Amino acid sequence: MPGLNRLILDATLAERGDLRYTPAGIPALDFTLHHESVQGEAEGQRQVACELRGVALGDIALELDRHRTGATLRCEGFLARRYRTGQTVTLHLIRIQETKGH
């Protein structure tokens, strides 16, 4: 069942957990992003603010672990359930780039 599931978000790294390893030995890092911007909607402008939880696995977890809380990042990934049987959505990070701010 193919389909597009890609999110690109400029955000501040609001929280970062401790780097951990899965039972298979893969690096994993939980984090929270904070986003604020002005977006066009219904022929007007809307102030937007949100928090989004995420997880990084493998090399991207090691890369994210080098960034301090408060860093501004362009984050790219896909959305999936946080837990297999849960309803909460989380960002699975596949690429980050530090930015100068947003």
PDB file of N, CA and C in Angstrom:
ATOM      1  N   MET A   1       0.842  -1.171   0.000  1.00  0.00           N
ATOM      2  CA  MET A   1       0.000   0.000   0.000  1.00  0.00           C
ATOM      3  C   MET A   1       0.899   1.250   0.000  1.00  0.00           C
ATOM      4  N   PRO A   2       1.343   1.723  -1.161  1.00  0.00           N
ATOM      5  CA  PRO A   2       2.216   2.890  -1.218  1.00  0.00           C
ATOM      6  C   PRO A   2       1.468   4.176  -0.892  1.00  0.00           C
ATOM      7  N   GLY A   3       2.195   5.153  -0.412  1.00  0.00           N
ATOM      8  CA  GLY A   3       1.609   6.449  -0.110  1.00  0.00           C
ATOM      9  C   GLY A   3       2.651   7.376   0.470  1.00  0.00           C
ATOM     10  N   LEU A   4       2.416   8.648   0.308  1.00  0.00           N
ATOM     11  CA  LEU A   4       3.353   9.658   0.788  1.00  0.00           C
ATOM     12  C   LEU A   4       3.171   9.879   2.285  1.00  0.00           C
ATOM     13  N   ASN A   5       4.258   9.875   3.023  1.00  0.00           N
ATOM     14  CA  ASN A   5       4.270  10.161   4.458  1.00  0.00           C
ATOM     15  C   ASN A   5       5.606  10.824   4.745  1.00  0.00           C
ATOM     16  N   ARG A   6       5.680  12.136   4.564  1.00  0.00           N
ATOM     17  CA  ARG A   6       6.928  12.868   4.754  1.00  0.00           C
ATOM     18  C   ARG A   6       6.607  14.190   5.435  1.00  0.00           C
ATOM     19  N   LEU A   7       7.366  14.515   6.463  1.00  0.00           N
ATOM     20  CA  LEU A   7       7.194  15.763   7.189  1.00  0.00           C
ATOM     21  C   LEU A   7       8.533  16.487   7.217  1.00  0.00           C
ATOM     22  N   ILE A   8       8.518  17.769   6.861  1.00  0.00           N
ATOM     23  CA  ILE A   8       9.685  18.633   6.988  1.00  0.00           C
ATOM     24  C   ILE A   8       9.270  19.783   7.874  1.00  0.00           C
ATOM     25  N   LEU A   9      10.023  20.014   8.942  1.00  0.00           N
ATOM     26  CA  LEU A   9       9.637  20.994   9.944  1.00  0.00           C
ATOM     27  C   LEU A   9      10.864  21.725  10.460  1.00  0.00           C
ATOM     28  N   ASP A  10      10.799  23.061  10.451  1.00  0.00           N
ATOM     29  CA  ASP A  10      11.825  23.856  11.124  1.00  0.00           C
ATOM     30  C   ASP A  10      11.384  24.004  12.571  1.00  0.00           C
ATOM     31  N   ALA A  11      12.248  23.636  13.492  1.00  0.00           N
ATOM     32  CA  ALA A  11      11.850  23.593  14.895  1.00  0.00           C
ATOM     33  C   ALA A  11      13.051  23.751  15.808  1.00  0.00           C
ATOM     34  N   THR A  12      12.752  24.000  17.077  1.00  0.00           N
ATOM     35  CA  THR A  12      13.752  24.054  18.130  1.00  0.00           C
ATOM     36  C   THR A  12      13.744  22.727  18.876  1.00  0.00           C
ATOM     37  N   LEU A  13      14.926  22.210  19.173  1.00  0.00           N
ATOM     38  CA  LEU A  13      15.026  20.995  19.969  1.00  0.00           C
ATOM     39  C   LEU A  13      14.677  21.355  21.411  1.00  0.00           C
ATOM     40  N   ALA A  14      13.450  21.042  21.818  1.00  0.00           N
ATOM     41  CA  ALA A  14      12.949  21.440  23.130  1.00  0.00           C
ATOM     42  C   ALA A  14      13.427  20.512  24.240  1.00  0.00           C
ATOM     43  N   GLU A  15      13.445  19.220  23.976  1.00  0.00           N
ATOM     44  CA  GLU A  15      13.894  18.224  24.954  1.00  0.00           C
ATOM     45  C   GLU A  15      14.614  17.114  24.213  1.00  0.00           C
ATOM     46  N   ARG A  16      15.577  16.529  24.883  1.00  0.00           N
ATOM     47  CA  ARG A  16      16.301  15.399  24.309  1.00  0.00           C
ATOM     48  C   ARG A  16      16.568  14.408  25.427  1.00  0.00           C
ATOM     49  N   GLY A  17      16.169  13.181  25.205  1.00  0.00           N
ATOM     50  CA  GLY A  17      16.434  12.140  26.192  1.00  0.00           C
ATOM     51  C   GLY A  17      17.888  11.701  26.138  1.00  0.00           C
ATOM     52  N   ASP A  18      18.219  10.735  26.947  1.00  0.00           N
ATOM     53  CA  ASP A  18      19.563  10.160  26.927  1.00  0.00           C
ATOM     54  C   ASP A  18      19.664   9.151  25.789  1.00  0.00           C
ATOM     55  N   LEU A  19      20.816   9.123  25.152  1.00  0.00           N
ATOM     56  CA  LEU A  19      21.058   8.139  24.105  1.00  0.00           C
ATOM     57  C   LEU A  19      20.981   6.755  24.734  1.00  0.00           C
ATOM     58  N   ARG A  20      20.240   5.884  24.089  1.00  0.00           N
ATOM     59  CA  ARG A  20      20.099   4.512  24.575  1.00  0.00           C
ATOM     60  C   ARG A  20      20.309   3.573  23.396  1.00  0.00           C
ATOM     61  N   TYR A  21      20.303   2.292  23.662  1.00  0.00           N
ATOM     62  CA  TYR A  21      20.493   1.292  22.614  1.00  0.00           C
ATOM     63  C   TYR A  21      19.376   0.264  22.696  1.00  0.00           C
ATOM     64  N   THR A  22      18.842  -0.119  21.546  1.00  0.00           N
ATOM     65  CA  THR A  22      17.808  -1.144  21.493  1.00  0.00           C
ATOM     66  C   THR A  22      18.446  -2.498  21.823  1.00  0.00           C
ATOM     67  N   PRO A  23      17.631  -3.524  22.090  1.00  0.00           N
ATOM     68  CA  PRO A  23      18.198  -4.860  22.339  1.00  0.00           C
ATOM     69  C   PRO A  23      19.068  -5.364  21.173  1.00  0.00           C
ATOM     70  N   ALA A  24      18.815  -4.839  19.969  1.00  0.00           N
ATOM     71  CA  ALA A  24      19.619  -5.226  18.804  1.00  0.00           C
ATOM     72  C   ALA A  24      20.893  -4.393  18.683  1.00  0.00           C
ATOM     73  N   GLY A  25      21.106  -3.470  19.631  1.00  0.00           N
ATOM     74  CA  GLY A  25      22.316  -2.662  19.630  1.00  0.00           C
ATOM     75  C   GLY A  25      22.247  -1.405  18.776  1.00  0.00           C
ATOM     76  N   ILE A  26      21.051  -1.007  18.357  1.00  0.00           N
ATOM     77  CA  ILE A  26      20.876   0.180  17.522  1.00  0.00           C
ATOM     78  C   ILE A  26      20.704   1.403  18.419  1.00  0.00           C
ATOM     79  N   PRO A  27      21.465   2.489  18.177  1.00  0.00           N
ATOM     80  CA  PRO A  27      21.294   3.712  18.964  1.00  0.00           C
ATOM     81  C   PRO A  27      19.877   4.269  18.783  1.00  0.00           C
ATOM     82  N   ALA A  28      19.301   4.792  19.866  1.00  0.00           N
ATOM     83  CA  ALA A  28      17.949   5.360  19.834  1.00  0.00           C
ATOM     84  C   ALA A  28      17.913   6.589  20.737  1.00  0.00           C
ATOM     85  N   LEU A  29      17.158   7.601  20.314  1.00  0.00           N
ATOM     86  CA  LEU A  29      17.069   8.845  21.069  1.00  0.00           C
ATOM     87  C   LEU A  29      15.663   9.411  20.929  1.00  0.00           C
ATOM     88  N   ASP A  30      14.987   9.613  22.064  1.00  0.00           N
ATOM     89  CA  ASP A  30      13.675  10.261  22.079  1.00  0.00           C
ATOM     90  C   ASP A  30      13.885  11.765  22.232  1.00  0.00           C
ATOM     91  N   PHE A  31      13.008  12.556  21.615  1.00  0.00           N
ATOM     92  CA  PHE A  31      13.155  14.009  21.661  1.00  0.00           C
ATOM     93  C   PHE A  31      11.791  14.675  21.491  1.00  0.00           C
ATOM     94  N   THR A  32      11.756  15.983  21.779  1.00  0.00           N
ATOM     95  CA  THR A  32      10.581  16.805  21.546  1.00  0.00           C
ATOM     96  C   THR A  32      11.012  18.049  20.790  1.00  0.00           C
ATOM     97  N   LEU A  33      10.259  18.399  19.755  1.00  0.00           N
ATOM     98  CA  LEU A  33      10.504  19.599  18.971  1.00  0.00           C
ATOM     99  C   LEU A  33       9.447  20.644  19.294  1.00  0.00           C
ATOM    100  N   HIS A  34       9.828  21.920  19.224  1.00  0.00           N
ATOM    101  CA  HIS A  34       8.883  23.032  19.372  1.00  0.00           C
ATOM    102  C   HIS A  34       8.935  23.843  18.082  1.00  0.00           C
ATOM    103  N   HIS A  35       7.768  24.114  17.513  1.00  0.00           N
ATOM    104  CA  HIS A  35       7.670  24.858  16.254  1.00  0.00           C
ATOM    105  C   HIS A  35       6.763  26.072  16.433  1.00  0.00           C
ATOM    106  N   GLU A  36       7.194  27.217  15.880  1.00  0.00           N
ATOM    107  CA  GLU A  36       6.364  28.421  15.817  1.00  0.00           C
ATOM    108  C   GLU A  36       6.550  29.053  14.453  1.00  0.00           C
ATOM    109  N   SER A  37       5.440  29.473  13.833  1.00  0.00           N
ATOM    110  CA  SER A  37       5.511  30.149  12.545  1.00  0.00           C
ATOM    111  C   SER A  37       4.177  30.828  12.240  1.00  0.00           C
ATOM    112  N   VAL A  38       4.153  31.547  11.144  1.00  0.00           N
ATOM    113  CA  VAL A  38       2.924  32.118  10.607  1.00  0.00           C
ATOM    114  C   VAL A  38       2.645  31.387   9.301  1.00  0.00           C
ATOM    115  N   GLN A  39       1.438  30.850   9.165  1.00  0.00           N
ATOM    116  CA  GLN A  39       1.052  30.071   7.987  1.00  0.00           C
ATOM    117  C   GLN A  39      -0.180  30.678   7.341  1.00  0.00           C
ATOM    118  N   GLY A  40      -0.229  30.618   6.020  1.00  0.00           N
ATOM    119  CA  GLY A  40      -1.412  31.060   5.297  1.00  0.00           C
ATOM    120  C   GLY A  40      -2.498  30.007   5.365  1.00  0.00           C
ATOM    121  N   GLU A  41      -3.719  30.461   5.675  1.00  0.00           N
ATOM    122  CA  GLU A  41      -4.853  29.539   5.746  1.00  0.00           C
ATOM    123  C   GLU A  41      -6.129  30.314   5.456  1.00  0.00           C
ATOM    124  N   ALA A  42      -6.943  29.797   4.564  1.00  0.00           N
ATOM    125  CA  ALA A  42      -8.247  30.400   4.242  1.00  0.00           C
ATOM    126  C   ALA A  42      -8.112  31.892   3.943  1.00  0.00           C
ATOM    127  N   GLU A  43      -7.147  32.232   3.079  1.00  0.00           N
ATOM    128  CA  GLU A  43      -6.902  33.614   2.639  1.00  0.00           C
ATOM    129  C   GLU A  43      -6.483  34.550   3.767  1.00  0.00           C
ATOM    130  N   GLY A  44      -5.994  33.996   4.846  1.00  0.00           N
ATOM    131  CA  GLY A  44      -5.514  34.798   5.969  1.00  0.00           C
ATOM    132  C   GLY A  44      -4.211  34.239   6.504  1.00  0.00           C
ATOM    133  N   GLN A  45      -3.749  34.822   7.583  1.00  0.00           N
ATOM    134  CA  GLN A  45      -2.522  34.389   8.240  1.00  0.00           C
ATOM    135  C   GLN A  45      -2.871  33.832   9.616  1.00  0.00           C
ATOM    136  N   ARG A  46      -2.211  32.776   9.979  1.00  0.00           N
ATOM    137  CA  ARG A  46      -2.472  32.126  11.263  1.00  0.00           C
ATOM    138  C   ARG A  46      -1.156  31.905  11.987  1.00  0.00           C
ATOM    139  N   GLN A  47      -1.097  32.330  13.257  1.00  0.00           N
ATOM    140  CA  GLN A  47       0.051  32.058  14.118  1.00  0.00           C
ATOM    141  C   GLN A  47      -0.051  30.606  14.575  1.00  0.00           C
ATOM    142  N   VAL A  48       1.006  29.838  14.352  1.00  0.00           N
ATOM    143  CA  VAL A  48       1.003  28.409  14.655  1.00  0.00           C
ATOM    144  C   VAL A  48       2.093  28.102  15.679  1.00  0.00           C
ATOM    145  N   ALA A  49       1.765  27.291  16.661  1.00  0.00           N
ATOM    146  CA  ALA A  49       2.755  26.798  17.626  1.00  0.00           C
ATOM    147  C   ALA A  49       2.355  25.373  17.989  1.00  0.00           C
ATOM    148  N   CYS A  50       3.348  24.488  18.055  1.00  0.00           N
ATOM    149  CA  CYS A  50       3.047  23.112  18.434  1.00  0.00           C
ATOM    150  C   CYS A  50       4.308  22.430  18.956  1.00  0.00           C
ATOM    151  N   GLU A  51       4.090  21.332  19.648  1.00  0.00           N
ATOM    152  CA  GLU A  51       5.174  20.462  20.129  1.00  0.00           C
ATOM    153  C   GLU A  51       4.951  19.105  19.487  1.00  0.00           C
ATOM    154  N   LEU A  52       6.021  18.471  19.090  1.00  0.00           N
ATOM    155  CA  LEU A  52       5.935  17.172  18.444  1.00  0.00           C
ATOM    156  C   LEU A  52       7.015  16.266  19.017  1.00  0.00           C
ATOM    157  N   ARG A  53       6.585  15.107  19.488  1.00  0.00           N
ATOM    158  CA  ARG A  53       7.544  14.121  20.009  1.00  0.00           C
ATOM    159  C   ARG A  53       8.092  13.308  18.863  1.00  0.00           C
ATOM    160  N   GLY A  54       9.310  12.831  19.032  1.00  0.00           N
ATOM    161  CA  GLY A  54       9.926  12.050  17.976  1.00  0.00           C
ATOM    162  C   GLY A  54      10.926  11.050  18.509  1.00  0.00           C
ATOM    163  N   VAL A  55      11.415  10.233  17.586  1.00  0.00           N
ATOM    164  CA  VAL A  55      12.439   9.242  17.893  1.00  0.00           C
ATOM    165  C   VAL A  55      13.416   9.201  16.719  1.00  0.00           C
ATOM    166  N   ALA A  56      14.681   9.049  17.046  1.00  0.00           N
ATOM    167  CA  ALA A  56      15.727   8.892  16.041  1.00  0.00           C
ATOM    168  C   ALA A  56      16.427   7.568  16.306  1.00  0.00           C
ATOM    169  N   LEU A  57      16.719   6.839  15.250  1.00  0.00           N
ATOM    170  CA  LEU A  57      17.372   5.533  15.362  1.00  0.00           C
ATOM    171  C   LEU A  57      18.616   5.489  14.490  1.00  0.00           C
ATOM    172  N   GLY A  58      19.612   4.750  14.916  1.00  0.00           N
ATOM    173  CA  GLY A  58      20.812   4.549  14.116  1.00  0.00           C
ATOM    174  C   GLY A  58      21.709   5.779  14.096  1.00  0.00           C
ATOM    175  N   ASP A  59      22.331   6.028  12.935  1.00  0.00           N
ATOM    176  CA  ASP A  59      23.269   7.141  12.805  1.00  0.00           C
ATOM    177  C   ASP A  59      22.625   8.488  13.081  1.00  0.00           C
ATOM    178  N   ILE A  60      21.351   8.658  12.723  1.00  0.00           N
ATOM    179  CA  ILE A  60      20.683   9.943  12.955  1.00  0.00           C
ATOM    180  C   ILE A  60      20.516  10.190  14.457  1.00  0.00           C
ATOM    181  N   ALA A  61      20.380   9.137  15.257  1.00  0.00           N
ATOM    182  CA  ALA A  61      20.321   9.291  16.717  1.00  0.00           C
ATOM    183  C   ALA A  61      21.662   9.801  17.240  1.00  0.00           C
ATOM    184  N   LEU A  62      22.746   9.262  16.706  1.00  0.00           N
ATOM    185  CA  LEU A  62      24.078   9.722  17.121  1.00  0.00           C
ATOM    186  C   LEU A  62      24.295  11.172  16.712  1.00  0.00           C
ATOM    187  N   GLU A  63      23.815  11.548  15.523  1.00  0.00           N
ATOM    188  CA  GLU A  63      23.947  12.926  15.061  1.00  0.00           C
ATOM    189  C   GLU A  63      23.116  13.878  15.925  1.00  0.00           C
ATOM    190  N   LEU A  64      21.870  13.507  16.214  1.00  0.00           N
ATOM    191  CA  LEU A  64      21.011  14.362  17.042  1.00  0.00           C
ATOM    192  C   LEU A  64      21.570  14.503  18.450  1.00  0.00           C
ATOM    193  N   ASP A  65      22.210  13.479  18.961  1.00  0.00           N
ATOM    194  CA  ASP A  65      22.781  13.518  20.307  1.00  0.00           C
ATOM    195  C   ASP A  65      23.869  14.586  20.431  1.00  0.00           C
ATOM    196  N   ARG A  66      24.456  15.010  19.324  1.00  0.00           N
ATOM    197  CA  ARG A  66      25.481  16.057  19.349  1.00  0.00           C
ATOM    198  C   ARG A  66      24.892  17.468  19.408  1.00  0.00           C
ATOM    199  N   HIS A  67      23.581  17.599  19.231  1.00  0.00           N
ATOM    200  CA  HIS A  67      22.935  18.915  19.272  1.00  0.00           C
ATOM    201  C   HIS A  67      22.416  19.211  20.678  1.00  0.00           C
ATOM    202  N   ARG A  68      22.610  20.432  21.099  1.00  0.00           N
ATOM    203  CA  ARG A  68      22.132  20.864  22.414  1.00  0.00           C
ATOM    204  C   ARG A  68      20.650  21.212  22.362  1.00  0.00           C
ATOM    205  N   THR A  69      19.998  21.119  23.509  1.00  0.00           N
ATOM    206  CA  THR A  69      18.640  21.610  23.632  1.00  0.00           C
ATOM    207  C   THR A  69      18.656  23.093  23.276  1.00  0.00           C
ATOM    208  N   GLY A  70      17.679  23.544  22.507  1.00  0.00           N
ATOM    209  CA  GLY A  70      17.618  24.928  22.051  1.00  0.00           C
ATOM    210  C   GLY A  70      18.138  25.121  20.640  1.00  0.00           C
ATOM    211  N   ALA A  71      18.792  24.105  20.075  1.00  0.00           N
ATOM    212  CA  ALA A  71      19.294  24.193  18.704  1.00  0.00           C
ATOM    213  C   ALA A  71      18.113  24.296  17.738  1.00  0.00           C
ATOM    214  N   THR A  72      18.271  25.104  16.690  1.00  0.00           N
ATOM    215  CA  THR A  72      17.242  25.200  15.658  1.00  0.00           C
ATOM    216  C   THR A  72      17.627  24.266  14.519  1.00  0.00           C
ATOM    217  N   LEU A  73      16.676  23.427  14.138  1.00  0.00           N
ATOM    218  CA  LEU A  73      16.941  22.345  13.197  1.00  0.00           C
ATOM    219  C   LEU A  73      15.874  22.280  12.117  1.00  0.00           C
ATOM    220  N   ARG A  74      16.276  21.900  10.923  1.00  0.00           N
ATOM    221  CA  ARG A  74      15.316  21.477   9.900  1.00  0.00           C
ATOM    222  C   ARG A  74      15.266  19.960  10.008  1.00  0.00           C
ATOM    223  N   CYS A  75      14.087  19.446  10.336  1.00  0.00           N
ATOM    224  CA  CYS A  75      13.901  18.027  10.603  1.00  0.00           C
ATOM    225  C   CYS A  75      13.051  17.403   9.504  1.00  0.00           C
ATOM    226  N   GLU A  76      13.461  16.240   9.047  1.00  0.00           N
ATOM    227  CA  GLU A  76      12.704  15.521   8.034  1.00  0.00           C
ATOM    228  C   GLU A  76      12.498  14.093   8.508  1.00  0.00           C
ATOM    229  N   GLY A  77      11.295  13.604   8.303  1.00  0.00           N
ATOM    230  CA  GLY A  77      10.995  12.246   8.707  1.00  0.00           C
ATOM    231  C   GLY A  77       9.603  11.834   8.296  1.00  0.00           C
ATOM    232  N   PHE A  78       9.101  10.813   8.942  1.00  0.00           N
ATOM    233  CA  PHE A  78       7.751  10.324   8.661  1.00  0.00           C
ATOM    234  C   PHE A  78       7.003  10.141   9.976  1.00  0.00           C
ATOM    235  N   LEU A  79       5.679  10.126   9.897  1.00  0.00           N
ATOM    236  CA  LEU A  79       4.832   9.964  11.072  1.00  0.00           C
ATOM    237  C   LEU A  79       4.380   8.513  11.201  1.00  0.00           C
ATOM    238  N   ALA A  80       4.370   8.035  12.428  1.00  0.00           N
ATOM    239  CA  ALA A  80       3.894   6.684  12.719  1.00  0.00           C
ATOM    240  C   ALA A  80       3.405   6.648  14.164  1.00  0.00           C
ATOM    241  N   ARG A  81       2.690   5.600  14.500  1.00  0.00           N
ATOM    242  CA  ARG A  81       2.276   5.428  15.897  1.00  0.00           C
ATOM    243  C   ARG A  81       3.519   5.312  16.769  1.00  0.00           C
ATOM    244  N   ARG A  82       3.432   5.906  17.945  1.00  0.00           N
ATOM    245  CA  ARG A  82       4.564   5.825  18.875  1.00  0.00           C
ATOM    246  C   ARG A  82       4.791   4.389  19.325  1.00  0.00           C
ATOM    247  N   TYR A  83       3.701   3.716  19.637  1.00  0.00           N
ATOM    248  CA  TYR A  83       3.763   2.299  20.026  1.00  0.00           C
ATOM    249  C   TYR A  83       2.852   1.522  19.091  1.00  0.00           C
ATOM    250  N   ARG A  84       3.195   0.301  18.830  1.00  0.00           N
ATOM    251  CA  ARG A  84       2.465  -0.511  17.867  1.00  0.00           C
ATOM    252  C   ARG A  84       0.961  -0.542  18.112  1.00  0.00           C
ATOM    253  N   THR A  85       0.540  -0.585  19.372  1.00  0.00           N
ATOM    254  CA  THR A  85      -0.886  -0.669  19.681  1.00  0.00           C
ATOM    255  C   THR A  85      -1.479   0.660  20.129  1.00  0.00           C
ATOM    256  N   GLY A  86      -0.684   1.733  20.139  1.00  0.00           N
ATOM    257  CA  GLY A  86      -1.165   3.023  20.618  1.00  0.00           C
ATOM    258  C   GLY A  86      -1.783   3.871  19.520  1.00  0.00           C
ATOM    259  N   GLN A  87      -2.270   5.041  19.909  1.00  0.00           N
ATOM    260  CA  GLN A  87      -2.865   5.984  18.976  1.00  0.00           C
ATOM    261  C   GLN A  87      -2.040   7.258  18.833  1.00  0.00           C
ATOM    262  N   THR A  88      -1.058   7.458  19.696  1.00  0.00           N
ATOM    263  CA  THR A  88      -0.232   8.665  19.672  1.00  0.00           C
ATOM    264  C   THR A  88       0.715   8.624  18.479  1.00  0.00           C
ATOM    265  N   VAL A  89       0.808   9.759  17.778  1.00  0.00           N
ATOM    266  CA  VAL A  89       1.675   9.865  16.606  1.00  0.00           C
ATOM    267  C   VAL A  89       3.016  10.462  17.016  1.00  0.00           C
ATOM    268  N   THR A  90       4.087   9.984  16.399  1.00  0.00           N
ATOM    269  CA  THR A  90       5.423  10.496  16.660  1.00  0.00           C
ATOM    270  C   THR A  90       6.171  10.659  15.341  1.00  0.00           C
ATOM    271  N   LEU A  91       7.124  11.574  15.327  1.00  0.00           N
ATOM    272  CA  LEU A  91       7.980  11.789  14.167  1.00  0.00           C
ATOM    273  C   LEU A  91       9.160  10.827  14.239  1.00  0.00           C
ATOM    274  N   HIS A  92       9.368  10.053  13.199  1.00  0.00           N
ATOM    275  CA  HIS A  92      10.544   9.194  13.076  1.00  0.00           C
ATOM    276  C   HIS A  92      11.536   9.948  12.205  1.00  0.00           C
ATOM    277  N   LEU A  93      12.585  10.420  12.806  1.00  0.00           N
ATOM    278  CA  LEU A  93      13.548  11.308  12.161  1.00  0.00           C
ATOM    279  C   LEU A  93      14.458  10.540  11.208  1.00  0.00           C
ATOM    280  N   ILE A  94      14.621  11.075   9.988  1.00  0.00           N
ATOM    281  CA  ILE A  94      15.541  10.450   9.040  1.00  0.00           C
ATOM    282  C   ILE A  94      16.647  11.403   8.583  1.00  0.00           C
ATOM    283  N   ARG A  95      16.444  12.723   8.801  1.00  0.00           N
ATOM    284  CA  ARG A  95      17.458  13.689   8.374  1.00  0.00           C
ATOM    285  C   ARG A  95      17.304  14.965   9.203  1.00  0.00           C
ATOM    286  N   ILE A  96      18.430  15.561   9.605  1.00  0.00           N
ATOM    287  CA  ILE A  96      18.405  16.865  10.283  1.00  0.00           C
ATOM    288  C   ILE A  96      19.487  17.756   9.711  1.00  0.00           C
ATOM    289  N   GLN A  97      19.226  19.062   9.807  1.00  0.00           N
ATOM    290  CA  GLN A  97      20.198  20.057   9.400  1.00  0.00           C
ATOM    291  C   GLN A  97      20.050  21.226  10.371  1.00  0.00           C
ATOM    292  N   GLU A  98      21.151  21.647  10.956  1.00  0.00           N
ATOM    293  CA  GLU A  98      21.097  22.794  11.861  1.00  0.00           C
ATOM    294  C   GLU A  98      20.856  24.047  11.036  1.00  0.00           C
ATOM    295  N   THR A  99      19.970  24.931  11.531  1.00  0.00           N
ATOM    296  CA  THR A  99      19.676  26.190  10.861  1.00  0.00           C
ATOM    297  C   THR A  99      20.008  27.339  11.774  1.00  0.00           C
ATOM    298  N   LYS A 100      20.008  28.531  11.253  1.00  0.00           N
ATOM    299  CA  LYS A 100      20.352  29.726  12.041  1.00  0.00           C
ATOM    300  C   LYS A 100      19.186  30.240  12.850  1.00  0.00           C
ATOM    301  N   GLY A 101      18.003  29.709  12.652  1.00  0.00           N
ATOM    302  CA  GLY A 101      16.813  30.166  13.360  1.00  0.00           C
ATOM    303  C   GLY A 101      15.664  30.220  12.391  1.00  0.00           C
ATOM    304  N   HIS A 102      14.473  30.457  12.920  1.00  0.00           N
ATOM    305  CA  HIS A 102      13.298  30.529  12.053  1.00  0.00           C
ATOM    306  C   HIS A 102      12.367  31.644  12.470  1.00  0.00           C
TER     307      HIS A 102
END
